[in-house]
């Protein structure tokens, strides 16, 4: 297990309305910048993204801030009322979360697109392959806004959907990603590079630490 990187997720006492993308509470989160492709090679600055994380008694909050350096690949008629299957084929930011560090082959995937489209999945990696529960319903909510040369996206994930609420000092495992652009130059950025031969985010043994802390 590769856990040499830590993503510090900071506790907040009050609930944060997910649509308040500029709320001062976000500044309490420890910002990390994701600069590498899944191979470990550096990505250009206009494809990089940063992430902040917060947690309350009820939910996990993740905020992505992604550079816009090329035409975004998005749905022209997005459906925000339900999850969008295949969202990973477009421009998207993703967070993978394994609440039980002893069983990292069981984890959750949450994605948010610049259109506000989203998807939530429960996954299990076995010797026979990867099992994906497309019917998983987390109750996640999301918000987005596009600014000059960047897009800001955030998700709120209820802990009830993850099966547990973290304690101060507890460490879960996970990874953070961005898919951007089109083939043959499509970019697959990863906080913890997965180092696979072809792009593949589903590599639990490459997860880093999600550390839940109080200021």
N, C-alpha and C. Protein backbone atom coordinates (compact mmCIF):
# COMPACT_ATOMS: atom_id res chain seq x y z
N UNK A 1 0.83 -1.18 0.00
CA UNK A 1 0.00 0.00 0.00
C UNK A 1 0.88 1.25 0.00
N UNK A 2 0.60 2.17 -0.93
CA UNK A 2 1.38 3.40 -1.03
C UNK A 2 0.63 4.52 -0.31
N UNK A 3 1.12 4.94 0.84
CA UNK A 3 0.44 5.98 1.61
C UNK A 3 1.39 7.11 1.97
N UNK A 4 2.28 7.46 1.05
CA UNK A 4 3.27 8.48 1.36
C UNK A 4 2.74 9.90 1.20
N UNK A 5 1.53 10.08 0.70
CA UNK A 5 0.92 11.39 0.58
C UNK A 5 -0.32 11.47 1.46
N UNK A 6 -0.52 12.67 2.05
CA UNK A 6 -1.67 12.89 2.91
C UNK A 6 -2.53 14.03 2.37
N UNK A 7 -3.81 13.78 2.31
CA UNK A 7 -4.81 14.78 1.99
C UNK A 7 -5.54 15.08 3.30
N UNK A 8 -5.24 16.24 3.90
CA UNK A 8 -5.84 16.59 5.19
C UNK A 8 -7.23 17.17 4.98
N UNK A 9 -8.21 16.55 5.62
CA UNK A 9 -9.60 16.97 5.54
C UNK A 9 -9.97 17.55 6.90
N UNK A 10 -10.33 18.83 6.93
CA UNK A 10 -10.46 19.59 8.17
C UNK A 10 -11.92 19.67 8.63
N UNK A 11 -12.11 19.49 9.91
CA UNK A 11 -13.45 19.47 10.50
C UNK A 11 -14.06 20.87 10.56
N UNK A 12 -15.38 20.95 10.28
CA UNK A 12 -16.16 22.17 10.46
C UNK A 12 -17.37 21.83 11.32
N UNK A 13 -17.71 22.72 12.22
CA UNK A 13 -18.82 22.44 13.13
C UNK A 13 -20.17 22.60 12.45
N UNK A 14 -20.29 23.55 11.57
CA UNK A 14 -21.56 23.83 10.92
C UNK A 14 -21.62 23.21 9.54
N UNK A 15 -22.83 22.90 9.10
CA UNK A 15 -23.00 22.39 7.75
C UNK A 15 -22.69 23.49 6.73
N UNK A 16 -22.13 23.10 5.62
CA UNK A 16 -21.75 24.03 4.55
C UNK A 16 -22.68 23.83 3.36
N UNK A 17 -23.50 24.81 3.02
CA UNK A 17 -24.34 24.68 1.82
C UNK A 17 -23.46 24.46 0.59
N UNK A 18 -23.69 23.39 -0.13
CA UNK A 18 -22.77 23.00 -1.19
C UNK A 18 -22.70 24.04 -2.30
N UNK A 19 -23.74 24.83 -2.46
CA UNK A 19 -23.73 25.84 -3.51
C UNK A 19 -22.87 27.06 -3.20
N UNK A 20 -22.40 27.18 -1.95
CA UNK A 20 -21.58 28.33 -1.57
C UNK A 20 -20.11 28.03 -1.83
N UNK A 21 -19.74 28.10 -3.09
CA UNK A 21 -18.40 27.70 -3.50
C UNK A 21 -17.31 28.68 -3.06
N UNK A 22 -17.71 29.87 -2.67
CA UNK A 22 -16.74 30.87 -2.20
C UNK A 22 -16.86 31.09 -0.69
N UNK A 23 -17.58 30.23 -0.01
CA UNK A 23 -17.71 30.37 1.44
C UNK A 23 -16.34 30.33 2.10
N UNK A 24 -16.13 31.21 3.09
CA UNK A 24 -14.83 31.30 3.75
C UNK A 24 -14.43 29.99 4.42
N UNK A 25 -15.38 29.14 4.73
CA UNK A 25 -15.07 27.86 5.36
C UNK A 25 -14.14 27.01 4.49
N UNK A 26 -14.25 27.16 3.18
CA UNK A 26 -13.40 26.36 2.31
C UNK A 26 -11.92 26.66 2.55
N UNK A 27 -11.62 27.87 3.00
CA UNK A 27 -10.22 28.24 3.22
C UNK A 27 -9.59 27.47 4.37
N UNK A 28 -10.43 26.85 5.22
CA UNK A 28 -9.89 26.04 6.31
C UNK A 28 -9.30 24.73 5.78
N UNK A 29 -9.77 24.30 4.63
CA UNK A 29 -9.25 23.06 4.05
C UNK A 29 -7.82 23.23 3.56
N UNK A 30 -7.01 22.20 3.72
CA UNK A 30 -5.62 22.23 3.26
C UNK A 30 -5.57 21.95 1.75
N UNK A 31 -5.20 22.95 0.98
CA UNK A 31 -5.21 22.80 -0.47
C UNK A 31 -4.04 21.92 -0.94
N UNK A 32 -4.34 20.99 -1.81
CA UNK A 32 -3.30 20.23 -2.48
C UNK A 32 -3.45 20.44 -3.99
N UNK A 33 -2.33 20.47 -4.69
CA UNK A 33 -2.35 20.64 -6.15
C UNK A 33 -1.97 19.32 -6.80
N UNK A 34 -2.74 18.94 -7.80
CA UNK A 34 -2.47 17.71 -8.55
C UNK A 34 -1.84 18.11 -9.88
N UNK A 35 -0.58 17.70 -10.07
CA UNK A 35 0.23 18.17 -11.20
C UNK A 35 0.64 17.05 -12.15
N UNK A 36 0.34 15.81 -11.82
CA UNK A 36 0.88 14.68 -12.57
C UNK A 36 -0.20 13.88 -13.29
N UNK A 37 0.22 13.28 -14.41
CA UNK A 37 -0.62 12.28 -15.05
C UNK A 37 -0.54 10.96 -14.28
N UNK A 38 -1.38 10.00 -14.69
CA UNK A 38 -1.39 8.70 -14.01
C UNK A 38 -0.03 7.99 -14.12
N UNK A 39 0.80 8.42 -15.06
CA UNK A 39 2.12 7.82 -15.26
C UNK A 39 3.18 8.40 -14.33
N UNK A 40 2.87 9.51 -13.68
CA UNK A 40 3.86 10.24 -12.90
C UNK A 40 4.51 11.37 -13.67
N UNK A 41 4.25 11.48 -14.97
CA UNK A 41 4.77 12.59 -15.76
C UNK A 41 4.03 13.87 -15.42
N UNK A 42 4.73 15.00 -15.47
CA UNK A 42 4.10 16.27 -15.17
C UNK A 42 3.11 16.66 -16.26
N UNK A 43 1.97 17.16 -15.83
CA UNK A 43 0.96 17.69 -16.75
C UNK A 43 1.19 19.19 -16.91
N UNK A 44 0.81 19.78 -18.04
CA UNK A 44 0.95 21.23 -18.20
C UNK A 44 0.06 21.96 -17.20
N UNK A 45 0.43 23.20 -16.88
CA UNK A 45 -0.30 23.95 -15.86
C UNK A 45 -1.76 24.15 -16.21
N UNK A 46 -2.06 24.23 -17.52
CA UNK A 46 -3.45 24.48 -17.90
C UNK A 46 -4.33 23.22 -17.85
N UNK A 47 -3.77 22.13 -17.28
CA UNK A 47 -4.59 20.93 -17.05
C UNK A 47 -4.62 20.54 -15.56
N UNK A 48 -3.87 21.24 -14.75
CA UNK A 48 -3.75 20.85 -13.35
C UNK A 48 -5.00 21.27 -12.57
N UNK A 49 -5.14 20.71 -11.38
CA UNK A 49 -6.26 21.08 -10.53
C UNK A 49 -5.84 21.02 -9.07
N UNK A 50 -6.60 21.72 -8.23
CA UNK A 50 -6.36 21.70 -6.80
C UNK A 50 -7.61 21.21 -6.08
N UNK A 51 -7.41 20.75 -4.85
CA UNK A 51 -8.51 20.15 -4.08
C UNK A 51 -8.43 20.61 -2.64
N UNK A 52 -9.58 20.86 -2.04
CA UNK A 52 -9.70 21.09 -0.61
C UNK A 52 -10.77 20.15 -0.06
N UNK A 53 -10.59 19.70 1.18
CA UNK A 53 -11.55 18.81 1.80
C UNK A 53 -11.96 19.28 3.18
N UNK A 54 -13.26 19.15 3.49
CA UNK A 54 -13.81 19.46 4.81
C UNK A 54 -14.71 18.32 5.24
N UNK A 55 -14.93 18.21 6.55
CA UNK A 55 -15.91 17.24 7.03
C UNK A 55 -16.65 17.80 8.23
N UNK A 56 -17.91 17.40 8.34
CA UNK A 56 -18.75 17.78 9.46
C UNK A 56 -19.18 16.49 10.16
N UNK A 57 -20.11 16.60 11.07
CA UNK A 57 -20.63 15.40 11.72
C UNK A 57 -21.43 14.53 10.77
N UNK A 58 -21.86 15.13 9.66
CA UNK A 58 -22.77 14.42 8.77
C UNK A 58 -22.23 14.10 7.39
N UNK A 59 -21.22 14.84 6.94
CA UNK A 59 -20.86 14.69 5.53
C UNK A 59 -19.41 15.07 5.25
N UNK A 60 -18.96 14.62 4.10
CA UNK A 60 -17.65 14.96 3.53
C UNK A 60 -17.87 15.95 2.40
N UNK A 61 -17.03 16.99 2.37
CA UNK A 61 -17.12 18.03 1.34
C UNK A 61 -15.80 18.08 0.57
N UNK A 62 -15.88 17.97 -0.75
CA UNK A 62 -14.69 18.03 -1.59
C UNK A 62 -14.89 19.14 -2.62
N UNK A 63 -13.89 20.02 -2.73
CA UNK A 63 -13.95 21.14 -3.68
C UNK A 63 -12.78 21.06 -4.65
N UNK A 64 -13.09 21.00 -5.93
CA UNK A 64 -12.09 20.97 -7.00
C UNK A 64 -12.03 22.34 -7.67
N UNK A 65 -10.82 22.77 -7.99
CA UNK A 65 -10.62 23.98 -8.78
C UNK A 65 -9.70 23.60 -9.93
N UNK A 66 -10.25 23.54 -11.15
CA UNK A 66 -9.53 22.99 -12.29
C UNK A 66 -9.30 24.06 -13.36
N UNK A 67 -8.07 24.11 -13.86
CA UNK A 67 -7.73 25.05 -14.93
C UNK A 67 -8.45 24.68 -16.22
N UNK A 68 -8.81 25.69 -16.97
CA UNK A 68 -9.39 25.49 -18.30
C UNK A 68 -8.39 26.02 -19.32
N UNK A 69 -7.75 25.10 -20.05
CA UNK A 69 -6.78 25.50 -21.04
C UNK A 69 -7.09 25.02 -22.44
N UNK A 70 -8.28 24.44 -22.59
CA UNK A 70 -8.70 23.89 -23.89
C UNK A 70 -10.21 23.74 -23.86
N UNK A 71 -10.78 23.42 -25.00
CA UNK A 71 -12.24 23.25 -25.06
C UNK A 71 -12.66 22.10 -24.14
N UNK A 72 -13.67 22.34 -23.32
CA UNK A 72 -14.15 21.32 -22.41
C UNK A 72 -15.03 20.31 -23.15
N UNK A 73 -14.86 19.05 -22.78
CA UNK A 73 -15.65 17.98 -23.38
C UNK A 73 -16.81 17.69 -22.43
N UNK A 74 -17.98 18.21 -22.79
CA UNK A 74 -19.14 18.10 -21.89
C UNK A 74 -20.39 17.78 -22.70
N UNK A 75 -21.42 17.33 -22.00
CA UNK A 75 -22.72 17.09 -22.62
C UNK A 75 -23.37 18.42 -22.99
N UNK A 76 -23.98 18.49 -24.17
CA UNK A 76 -24.67 19.71 -24.57
C UNK A 76 -26.02 19.83 -23.87
N UNK A 77 -26.60 18.69 -23.48
CA UNK A 77 -27.89 18.69 -22.79
C UNK A 77 -27.77 17.87 -21.51
N UNK A 78 -27.10 18.43 -20.50
CA UNK A 78 -26.88 17.68 -19.27
C UNK A 78 -28.17 17.41 -18.49
N UNK A 79 -28.21 16.24 -17.85
CA UNK A 79 -29.32 15.87 -16.99
C UNK A 79 -28.81 15.86 -15.55
N UNK A 80 -29.27 16.79 -14.76
CA UNK A 80 -28.80 16.91 -13.39
C UNK A 80 -29.70 16.19 -12.39
N UNK A 81 -30.77 15.61 -12.88
CA UNK A 81 -31.74 14.98 -11.98
C UNK A 81 -31.33 13.58 -11.55
N UNK A 82 -30.42 12.97 -12.29
CA UNK A 82 -29.98 11.62 -11.95
C UNK A 82 -28.54 11.44 -12.40
N UNK A 83 -27.92 10.36 -11.92
CA UNK A 83 -26.52 10.13 -12.25
C UNK A 83 -26.35 9.91 -13.75
N UNK A 84 -25.20 10.31 -14.27
CA UNK A 84 -24.89 10.21 -15.69
C UNK A 84 -23.89 9.08 -15.91
N UNK A 85 -24.37 7.95 -16.40
CA UNK A 85 -23.49 6.82 -16.70
C UNK A 85 -22.55 7.21 -17.84
N UNK A 86 -21.29 6.85 -17.71
CA UNK A 86 -20.31 7.18 -18.74
C UNK A 86 -19.75 8.58 -18.62
N UNK A 87 -20.00 9.24 -17.49
CA UNK A 87 -19.50 10.59 -17.30
C UNK A 87 -17.98 10.65 -17.40
N UNK A 88 -17.33 9.55 -17.06
CA UNK A 88 -15.86 9.48 -17.08
C UNK A 88 -15.27 9.62 -18.47
N UNK A 89 -16.10 9.56 -19.52
CA UNK A 89 -15.61 9.73 -20.88
C UNK A 89 -15.52 11.21 -21.28
N UNK A 90 -15.92 12.10 -20.37
CA UNK A 90 -15.90 13.54 -20.65
C UNK A 90 -14.96 14.22 -19.66
N UNK A 91 -14.99 15.54 -19.63
CA UNK A 91 -14.20 16.27 -18.64
C UNK A 91 -14.85 16.09 -17.28
N UNK A 92 -14.05 15.68 -16.30
CA UNK A 92 -14.62 15.33 -15.00
C UNK A 92 -13.52 15.33 -13.94
N UNK A 93 -13.89 15.64 -12.71
CA UNK A 93 -13.02 15.42 -11.56
C UNK A 93 -13.62 14.31 -10.70
N UNK A 94 -12.75 13.53 -10.06
CA UNK A 94 -13.20 12.35 -9.35
C UNK A 94 -12.50 12.20 -8.01
N UNK A 95 -13.23 11.61 -7.06
CA UNK A 95 -12.64 11.22 -5.79
C UNK A 95 -13.03 9.77 -5.52
N UNK A 96 -12.03 8.96 -5.18
CA UNK A 96 -12.22 7.57 -4.76
C UNK A 96 -11.97 7.52 -3.25
N UNK A 97 -12.85 6.82 -2.52
CA UNK A 97 -12.75 6.78 -1.06
C UNK A 97 -12.92 5.35 -0.57
N UNK A 98 -11.96 4.90 0.23
CA UNK A 98 -12.04 3.59 0.90
C UNK A 98 -12.09 3.86 2.41
N UNK A 99 -13.29 3.81 3.02
CA UNK A 99 -13.39 4.12 4.46
C UNK A 99 -12.67 3.13 5.37
N UNK A 100 -12.55 1.89 4.93
CA UNK A 100 -11.89 0.86 5.74
C UNK A 100 -10.51 0.58 5.16
N UNK A 101 -9.48 1.04 5.86
CA UNK A 101 -8.11 0.90 5.35
C UNK A 101 -7.66 -0.55 5.25
N UNK A 102 -8.38 -1.45 5.90
CA UNK A 102 -8.03 -2.88 5.84
C UNK A 102 -8.62 -3.56 4.60
N UNK A 103 -9.58 -2.90 3.98
CA UNK A 103 -10.24 -3.49 2.82
C UNK A 103 -10.33 -2.45 1.71
N UNK A 104 -9.19 -2.06 1.19
CA UNK A 104 -9.18 -1.01 0.18
C UNK A 104 -9.70 -1.48 -1.17
N UNK A 105 -9.93 -2.77 -1.32
CA UNK A 105 -10.53 -3.26 -2.56
C UNK A 105 -12.01 -2.90 -2.62
N UNK A 106 -12.58 -2.42 -1.49
CA UNK A 106 -13.96 -1.96 -1.48
C UNK A 106 -13.94 -0.45 -1.26
N UNK A 107 -14.43 0.28 -2.25
CA UNK A 107 -14.35 1.73 -2.19
C UNK A 107 -15.49 2.36 -2.96
N UNK A 108 -15.58 3.68 -2.86
CA UNK A 108 -16.64 4.44 -3.52
C UNK A 108 -16.03 5.44 -4.49
N UNK A 109 -16.77 5.73 -5.54
CA UNK A 109 -16.32 6.68 -6.57
C UNK A 109 -17.37 7.75 -6.75
N UNK A 110 -16.91 9.01 -6.75
CA UNK A 110 -17.80 10.15 -6.95
C UNK A 110 -17.19 11.05 -8.02
N UNK A 111 -18.00 11.46 -8.98
CA UNK A 111 -17.52 12.30 -10.07
C UNK A 111 -18.41 13.53 -10.21
N UNK A 112 -17.78 14.63 -10.65
CA UNK A 112 -18.51 15.86 -10.92
C UNK A 112 -17.95 16.48 -12.20
N UNK A 113 -18.83 16.93 -13.08
CA UNK A 113 -18.43 17.52 -14.36
C UNK A 113 -18.68 19.02 -14.34
N UNK A 114 -18.05 19.77 -15.25
CA UNK A 114 -18.25 21.22 -15.31
C UNK A 114 -19.70 21.63 -15.58
N UNK A 115 -20.51 20.70 -16.08
CA UNK A 115 -21.93 20.97 -16.32
C UNK A 115 -22.77 20.81 -15.05
N UNK A 116 -22.19 20.24 -14.00
CA UNK A 116 -22.96 19.91 -12.80
C UNK A 116 -23.41 18.47 -12.78
N UNK A 117 -23.19 17.74 -13.87
CA UNK A 117 -23.54 16.32 -13.89
C UNK A 117 -22.68 15.56 -12.88
N UNK A 118 -23.20 14.43 -12.41
CA UNK A 118 -22.52 13.69 -11.34
C UNK A 118 -22.80 12.20 -11.50
N UNK A 119 -22.00 11.43 -10.77
CA UNK A 119 -22.25 10.00 -10.67
C UNK A 119 -21.64 9.50 -9.37
N UNK A 120 -22.31 8.52 -8.76
CA UNK A 120 -21.80 7.87 -7.56
C UNK A 120 -21.87 6.36 -7.75
N UNK A 121 -20.80 5.68 -7.35
CA UNK A 121 -20.67 4.25 -7.57
C UNK A 121 -20.05 3.58 -6.35
N UNK A 122 -20.44 2.34 -6.11
CA UNK A 122 -19.78 1.50 -5.11
C UNK A 122 -19.05 0.40 -5.86
N UNK A 123 -17.79 0.16 -5.49
CA UNK A 123 -16.95 -0.76 -6.25
C UNK A 123 -16.25 -1.77 -5.36
N UNK A 124 -15.93 -2.90 -5.96
CA UNK A 124 -15.13 -3.92 -5.30
C UNK A 124 -14.21 -4.56 -6.34
N UNK A 125 -12.92 -4.55 -6.05
CA UNK A 125 -11.94 -5.17 -6.94
C UNK A 125 -11.62 -6.57 -6.40
N UNK A 126 -11.79 -7.59 -7.25
CA UNK A 126 -11.51 -8.97 -6.86
C UNK A 126 -10.54 -9.57 -7.86
N UNK A 127 -10.13 -10.81 -7.60
CA UNK A 127 -9.24 -11.50 -8.53
C UNK A 127 -9.92 -11.74 -9.88
N UNK A 128 -11.24 -11.72 -9.88
CA UNK A 128 -12.00 -11.97 -11.11
C UNK A 128 -12.33 -10.70 -11.86
N UNK A 129 -11.94 -9.56 -11.30
CA UNK A 129 -12.23 -8.31 -11.98
C UNK A 129 -12.85 -7.29 -11.04
N UNK A 130 -13.47 -6.28 -11.61
CA UNK A 130 -14.05 -5.20 -10.82
C UNK A 130 -15.57 -5.26 -10.88
N UNK A 131 -16.18 -5.22 -9.71
CA UNK A 131 -17.64 -5.20 -9.61
C UNK A 131 -18.09 -3.77 -9.33
N UNK A 132 -19.06 -3.29 -10.11
CA UNK A 132 -19.54 -1.92 -9.97
C UNK A 132 -21.03 -1.92 -9.70
N UNK A 133 -21.42 -1.28 -8.61
CA UNK A 133 -22.84 -1.14 -8.28
C UNK A 133 -23.34 0.19 -8.84
N UNK A 134 -23.99 0.12 -10.00
CA UNK A 134 -24.50 1.32 -10.63
C UNK A 134 -25.74 1.86 -9.94
N UNK A 135 -26.38 1.03 -9.10
CA UNK A 135 -27.59 1.44 -8.41
C UNK A 135 -27.30 2.10 -7.06
N UNK A 136 -26.05 2.17 -6.68
CA UNK A 136 -25.66 2.81 -5.43
C UNK A 136 -26.21 4.23 -5.41
N UNK A 137 -26.88 4.59 -4.32
CA UNK A 137 -27.49 5.92 -4.19
C UNK A 137 -27.00 6.57 -2.91
N UNK A 138 -26.04 7.44 -3.02
CA UNK A 138 -25.38 8.04 -1.86
C UNK A 138 -26.13 9.24 -1.29
N UNK A 139 -26.94 9.87 -2.14
CA UNK A 139 -27.55 11.14 -1.73
C UNK A 139 -26.60 12.31 -1.88
N UNK A 140 -25.54 12.14 -2.66
CA UNK A 140 -24.59 13.22 -2.89
C UNK A 140 -25.27 14.42 -3.55
N UNK A 141 -24.77 15.61 -3.25
CA UNK A 141 -25.20 16.82 -3.93
C UNK A 141 -23.96 17.53 -4.48
N UNK A 142 -24.17 18.41 -5.44
CA UNK A 142 -23.02 19.03 -6.11
C UNK A 142 -23.35 20.45 -6.55
N UNK A 143 -22.29 21.18 -6.87
CA UNK A 143 -22.43 22.55 -7.38
C UNK A 143 -21.22 22.87 -8.23
N UNK A 144 -21.40 23.73 -9.22
CA UNK A 144 -20.29 24.14 -10.09
C UNK A 144 -20.44 25.60 -10.46
N UNK A 145 -19.31 26.21 -10.83
CA UNK A 145 -19.35 27.52 -11.46
C UNK A 145 -18.10 27.67 -12.31
N UNK A 146 -18.25 28.32 -13.44
CA UNK A 146 -17.13 28.54 -14.36
C UNK A 146 -16.69 29.99 -14.27
N UNK A 147 -15.39 30.18 -14.09
CA UNK A 147 -14.80 31.50 -14.03
C UNK A 147 -13.78 31.63 -15.15
N UNK A 148 -13.06 32.72 -15.16
CA UNK A 148 -12.05 32.95 -16.19
C UNK A 148 -10.94 31.92 -16.06
N UNK A 149 -10.81 31.06 -17.04
CA UNK A 149 -9.75 30.06 -17.16
C UNK A 149 -9.77 29.01 -16.04
N UNK A 150 -10.92 28.85 -15.36
CA UNK A 150 -11.01 27.78 -14.38
C UNK A 150 -12.46 27.43 -14.13
N UNK A 151 -12.66 26.20 -13.63
CA UNK A 151 -13.98 25.76 -13.22
C UNK A 151 -13.88 25.25 -11.79
N UNK A 152 -14.84 25.66 -10.96
CA UNK A 152 -14.89 25.24 -9.56
C UNK A 152 -16.06 24.27 -9.39
N UNK A 153 -15.78 23.11 -8.78
CA UNK A 153 -16.79 22.07 -8.61
C UNK A 153 -16.70 21.50 -7.20
N UNK A 154 -17.83 21.21 -6.60
CA UNK A 154 -17.82 20.68 -5.24
C UNK A 154 -18.89 19.61 -5.09
N UNK A 155 -18.62 18.67 -4.19
CA UNK A 155 -19.59 17.62 -3.88
C UNK A 155 -19.73 17.49 -2.37
N UNK A 156 -20.92 17.15 -1.94
CA UNK A 156 -21.20 16.82 -0.54
C UNK A 156 -21.65 15.37 -0.50
N UNK A 157 -20.95 14.55 0.30
CA UNK A 157 -21.21 13.12 0.37
C UNK A 157 -21.62 12.76 1.80
N UNK A 158 -22.84 12.34 2.03
CA UNK A 158 -23.26 11.97 3.39
C UNK A 158 -22.47 10.77 3.90
N UNK A 159 -22.03 10.83 5.16
CA UNK A 159 -21.31 9.70 5.73
C UNK A 159 -22.20 8.47 5.85
N UNK A 160 -23.50 8.68 5.92
CA UNK A 160 -24.42 7.55 6.01
C UNK A 160 -24.29 6.63 4.80
N UNK A 161 -23.91 7.20 3.65
CA UNK A 161 -23.74 6.39 2.44
C UNK A 161 -22.43 5.63 2.45
N UNK A 162 -21.47 6.08 3.25
CA UNK A 162 -20.15 5.45 3.30
C UNK A 162 -20.04 4.40 4.41
N UNK A 163 -21.10 4.29 5.21
CA UNK A 163 -21.14 3.24 6.22
C UNK A 163 -20.51 3.59 7.54
N UNK A 164 -19.92 4.77 7.67
CA UNK A 164 -19.29 5.17 8.93
C UNK A 164 -18.99 6.66 8.89
N UNK A 165 -18.81 7.22 10.09
CA UNK A 165 -18.39 8.61 10.25
C UNK A 165 -16.98 8.61 10.85
N UNK A 166 -16.05 9.36 10.27
CA UNK A 166 -14.68 9.33 10.80
C UNK A 166 -14.57 9.98 12.16
N UNK A 167 -13.53 9.62 12.87
CA UNK A 167 -13.18 10.26 14.13
C UNK A 167 -11.96 11.15 13.90
N UNK A 168 -11.76 12.10 14.77
CA UNK A 168 -10.59 12.95 14.66
C UNK A 168 -9.32 12.12 14.68
N UNK A 169 -8.45 12.34 13.71
CA UNK A 169 -7.21 11.60 13.60
C UNK A 169 -7.31 10.32 12.80
N UNK A 170 -8.50 9.96 12.40
CA UNK A 170 -8.67 8.72 11.63
C UNK A 170 -8.17 8.91 10.20
N UNK A 171 -7.65 7.85 9.62
CA UNK A 171 -7.15 7.89 8.25
C UNK A 171 -7.92 6.89 7.40
N UNK A 172 -8.54 7.40 6.35
CA UNK A 172 -9.11 6.57 5.30
C UNK A 172 -8.12 6.60 4.13
N UNK A 173 -8.41 5.87 3.08
CA UNK A 173 -7.55 5.87 1.91
C UNK A 173 -8.35 6.28 0.67
N UNK A 174 -7.64 6.78 -0.33
CA UNK A 174 -8.34 7.20 -1.53
C UNK A 174 -7.42 7.84 -2.55
N UNK A 175 -8.05 8.40 -3.58
CA UNK A 175 -7.29 9.06 -4.63
C UNK A 175 -8.15 10.13 -5.27
N UNK A 176 -7.51 11.02 -6.02
CA UNK A 176 -8.16 12.17 -6.65
C UNK A 176 -7.71 12.25 -8.10
N UNK A 177 -8.66 12.52 -8.99
CA UNK A 177 -8.35 12.44 -10.42
C UNK A 177 -9.02 13.56 -11.21
N UNK A 178 -8.49 13.74 -12.42
CA UNK A 178 -9.15 14.57 -13.41
C UNK A 178 -8.96 13.95 -14.79
N UNK A 179 -10.03 13.93 -15.57
CA UNK A 179 -9.96 13.55 -16.99
C UNK A 179 -10.25 14.81 -17.80
N UNK A 180 -9.41 15.10 -18.80
CA UNK A 180 -9.56 16.34 -19.54
C UNK A 180 -9.07 16.16 -20.98
N UNK A 181 -9.77 16.80 -21.93
CA UNK A 181 -9.33 16.78 -23.32
C UNK A 181 -9.80 15.57 -24.10
N UNK A 182 -9.30 15.47 -25.32
CA UNK A 182 -9.71 14.41 -26.23
C UNK A 182 -8.50 13.61 -26.71
N UNK A 183 -8.75 12.39 -27.19
CA UNK A 183 -7.70 11.58 -27.79
C UNK A 183 -7.20 12.25 -29.07
N UNK A 184 -5.95 12.12 -29.42
CA UNK A 184 -4.95 11.26 -28.77
C UNK A 184 -4.21 11.93 -27.61
N UNK A 185 -4.65 13.13 -27.21
CA UNK A 185 -3.96 13.86 -26.14
C UNK A 185 -4.81 14.01 -24.89
N UNK A 186 -5.73 13.08 -24.68
CA UNK A 186 -6.56 13.15 -23.48
C UNK A 186 -5.68 12.99 -22.24
N UNK A 187 -5.97 13.80 -21.23
CA UNK A 187 -5.16 13.78 -20.02
C UNK A 187 -5.86 13.09 -18.86
N UNK A 188 -5.12 12.22 -18.17
CA UNK A 188 -5.63 11.51 -17.01
C UNK A 188 -4.73 11.85 -15.82
N UNK A 189 -5.14 12.85 -15.04
CA UNK A 189 -4.33 13.30 -13.92
C UNK A 189 -4.69 12.54 -12.65
N UNK A 190 -3.68 12.30 -11.81
CA UNK A 190 -3.89 11.53 -10.58
C UNK A 190 -3.05 12.11 -9.46
N UNK A 191 -3.67 12.33 -8.31
CA UNK A 191 -2.92 12.75 -7.12
C UNK A 191 -1.89 11.70 -6.75
N UNK A 192 -2.30 10.44 -6.70
CA UNK A 192 -1.39 9.32 -6.52
C UNK A 192 -1.30 8.58 -7.86
N UNK A 193 -0.28 8.83 -8.68
CA UNK A 193 -0.18 8.18 -9.98
C UNK A 193 -0.31 6.66 -9.86
N UNK A 194 -1.12 6.09 -10.72
CA UNK A 194 -1.39 4.65 -10.63
C UNK A 194 -0.34 3.80 -11.33
N UNK A 195 0.44 4.42 -12.22
CA UNK A 195 1.60 3.77 -12.85
C UNK A 195 1.23 2.52 -13.64
N UNK A 196 0.04 2.52 -14.23
CA UNK A 196 -0.38 1.39 -15.06
C UNK A 196 0.07 1.60 -16.50
N UNK A 197 0.07 0.53 -17.27
CA UNK A 197 0.53 0.60 -18.67
C UNK A 197 -0.39 1.48 -19.50
N UNK A 198 -1.69 1.35 -19.29
CA UNK A 198 -2.67 2.20 -19.94
C UNK A 198 -3.45 2.93 -18.84
N UNK A 199 -4.12 4.05 -19.15
CA UNK A 199 -4.81 4.79 -18.09
C UNK A 199 -5.79 3.91 -17.31
N UNK A 200 -5.62 3.89 -16.00
CA UNK A 200 -6.49 3.11 -15.13
C UNK A 200 -6.45 3.72 -13.73
N UNK A 201 -7.58 4.22 -13.27
CA UNK A 201 -7.66 4.82 -11.95
C UNK A 201 -7.96 3.79 -10.86
N UNK A 202 -8.46 2.64 -11.24
CA UNK A 202 -8.93 1.66 -10.27
C UNK A 202 -7.79 0.76 -9.78
N UNK A 203 -6.89 1.40 -8.99
CA UNK A 203 -5.72 0.71 -8.47
C UNK A 203 -5.64 1.00 -6.97
N UNK A 204 -6.39 0.28 -6.14
CA UNK A 204 -6.45 0.58 -4.71
C UNK A 204 -5.10 0.56 -4.02
N UNK A 205 -4.17 -0.25 -4.50
CA UNK A 205 -2.86 -0.32 -3.84
C UNK A 205 -2.06 0.97 -4.01
N UNK A 206 -2.54 1.88 -4.84
CA UNK A 206 -1.88 3.18 -5.00
C UNK A 206 -2.58 4.30 -4.24
N UNK A 207 -3.60 3.98 -3.46
CA UNK A 207 -4.31 5.00 -2.71
C UNK A 207 -3.39 5.70 -1.71
N UNK A 208 -3.66 6.99 -1.48
CA UNK A 208 -2.95 7.74 -0.45
C UNK A 208 -3.84 7.94 0.76
N UNK A 209 -3.34 8.69 1.74
CA UNK A 209 -4.05 8.89 2.99
C UNK A 209 -5.02 10.06 2.93
N UNK A 210 -6.25 9.83 3.36
CA UNK A 210 -7.23 10.87 3.62
C UNK A 210 -7.29 11.01 5.13
N UNK A 211 -6.69 12.06 5.68
CA UNK A 211 -6.55 12.22 7.13
C UNK A 211 -7.58 13.22 7.64
N UNK A 212 -8.46 12.77 8.53
CA UNK A 212 -9.50 13.62 9.09
C UNK A 212 -8.97 14.30 10.35
N UNK A 213 -8.93 15.63 10.34
CA UNK A 213 -8.32 16.37 11.45
C UNK A 213 -9.25 17.48 11.91
N UNK A 214 -8.97 17.98 13.13
CA UNK A 214 -9.62 19.17 13.66
C UNK A 214 -8.56 20.24 13.85
N UNK A 215 -8.89 21.45 13.55
CA UNK A 215 -7.92 22.54 13.70
C UNK A 215 -7.71 22.87 15.17
